[in-house]
Protein backbone atom coordinates (compact mmCIF):
# COMPACT_ATOMS: atom_id res chain seq x y z
CA UNK A 1 3.01 -3.87 -37.64
CA UNK A 2 3.82 -2.49 -34.20
CA UNK A 3 4.06 1.30 -33.91
CA UNK A 4 7.17 1.05 -31.70
CA UNK A 5 9.11 -1.60 -29.77
CA UNK A 6 8.18 -2.24 -26.16
CA UNK A 7 10.75 -3.93 -23.93
CA UNK A 8 11.34 -3.87 -20.18
CA UNK A 9 13.76 -5.54 -17.78
CA UNK A 10 13.58 -4.79 -14.05
CA UNK A 11 15.02 -6.40 -10.92
CA UNK A 12 14.22 -6.58 -7.25
CA UNK A 13 17.03 -7.37 -4.81
CA UNK A 14 17.06 -7.64 -1.05
CA UNK A 15 20.17 -9.30 0.37
CA UNK A 16 18.70 -9.53 3.88
CA UNK A 17 15.90 -11.75 2.52
CA UNK A 18 18.09 -13.57 -0.05
CA UNK A 19 15.88 -12.12 -2.78
CA UNK A 20 17.12 -11.57 -6.32
CA UNK A 21 14.27 -11.52 -8.84
CA UNK A 22 13.83 -10.30 -12.40
CA UNK A 23 10.81 -9.41 -14.50
CA UNK A 24 11.01 -8.92 -18.28
CA UNK A 25 8.33 -7.98 -20.80
CA UNK A 26 8.17 -7.28 -24.51
CA UNK A 27 5.47 -6.75 -27.11
CA UNK A 28 6.09 -8.50 -30.41
CA UNK A 29 4.06 -9.16 -33.52
CA UNK A 30 2.96 -12.73 -34.26
CA UNK A 31 3.00 -14.30 -37.72
CA UNK A 32 -0.74 -13.64 -37.89
CA UNK A 33 -0.38 -9.89 -37.24
CA UNK A 34 -1.50 -9.96 -33.61
CA UNK A 35 0.29 -8.13 -30.82
CA UNK A 36 1.77 -10.58 -28.30
CA UNK A 37 2.87 -9.53 -24.81
CA UNK A 38 5.58 -11.91 -23.60
CA UNK A 39 6.41 -11.94 -19.88
CA UNK A 40 9.32 -13.70 -18.14
CA UNK A 41 10.04 -13.71 -14.42
CA UNK A 42 12.00 -15.62 -11.82
CA UNK A 43 15.21 -15.67 -9.83
CA UNK A 44 18.14 -13.81 -11.37
CA UNK A 45 20.42 -16.34 -13.06
CA UNK A 46 17.61 -18.85 -13.68
CA UNK A 47 15.52 -19.24 -16.83
CA UNK A 48 12.31 -18.40 -14.96
CA UNK A 49 8.74 -18.76 -16.14
CA UNK A 50 7.17 -17.43 -19.34
CA UNK A 51 3.64 -16.34 -20.17
CA UNK A 52 2.24 -15.00 -23.46
CA UNK A 53 -0.88 -12.92 -24.07
CA UNK A 54 -2.18 -12.36 -27.63
CA UNK A 55 -4.29 -9.36 -28.61
CA UNK A 56 -5.97 -8.31 -31.85
CA UNK A 57 -5.10 -4.65 -31.18
CA UNK A 58 -1.73 -3.24 -30.15
CA UNK A 59 -3.26 -0.74 -27.72
CA UNK A 60 -4.71 -3.60 -25.64
CA UNK A 61 -1.24 -5.15 -25.30
CA UNK A 62 0.26 -1.76 -24.41
CA UNK A 63 -2.39 -1.21 -21.72
CA UNK A 64 -1.57 -4.54 -20.05
CA UNK A 65 2.16 -3.79 -20.41
CA UNK A 66 1.71 -0.46 -18.57
CA UNK A 67 -0.54 -1.99 -15.88
CA UNK A 68 2.01 -4.74 -15.17
CA UNK A 69 4.85 -2.20 -15.13
CA UNK A 70 2.97 -0.14 -12.53
CA UNK A 71 2.40 -3.24 -10.39
CA UNK A 72 6.08 -4.24 -10.52
CA UNK A 73 7.26 -0.73 -9.62
CA UNK A 74 4.89 -0.72 -6.63
CA UNK A 75 6.48 -3.98 -5.47
CA UNK A 76 9.98 -2.53 -5.60
CA UNK A 77 11.25 -3.63 -9.01
CA UNK A 78 13.71 -1.15 -10.55
CA UNK A 79 15.86 -1.02 -13.71
CA UNK A 80 19.03 -3.09 -13.38
CA UNK A 81 21.63 -1.32 -11.26
CA UNK A 82 19.22 1.20 -9.70
CA UNK A 83 18.94 0.58 -5.94
CA UNK A 84 15.77 1.27 -4.00
CA UNK A 85 16.16 4.31 -1.77
CA UNK A 86 16.50 3.45 1.93
CA UNK A 87 13.32 5.39 2.78
CA UNK A 88 10.98 3.35 0.59
CA UNK A 89 8.83 0.59 1.97
CA UNK A 90 7.80 -1.64 -0.93
CA UNK A 91 5.04 -4.20 -0.35
CA UNK A 92 6.09 -7.84 -0.28
CA UNK A 93 5.49 -9.95 -3.35
């Protein structure tokens, strides 16, 4: 049983580059009691791609969740509706 729910949805938009991307993650329990990190990403409005990672321990899934969140924030992804400040220079990706 998972200690708490983990869900994330962030977007990266840049109209000058015709960029509108999303990145979603959640940690869910499998039928066999494993923790499963499910990732989805792609262009906003499209189904996108999906990847799943299974772990025997919840803390391993949480660690990957936090690492991926840090990477997405460094690339300019923000919660839906939160614009990037004009002074930030996010790396391309």
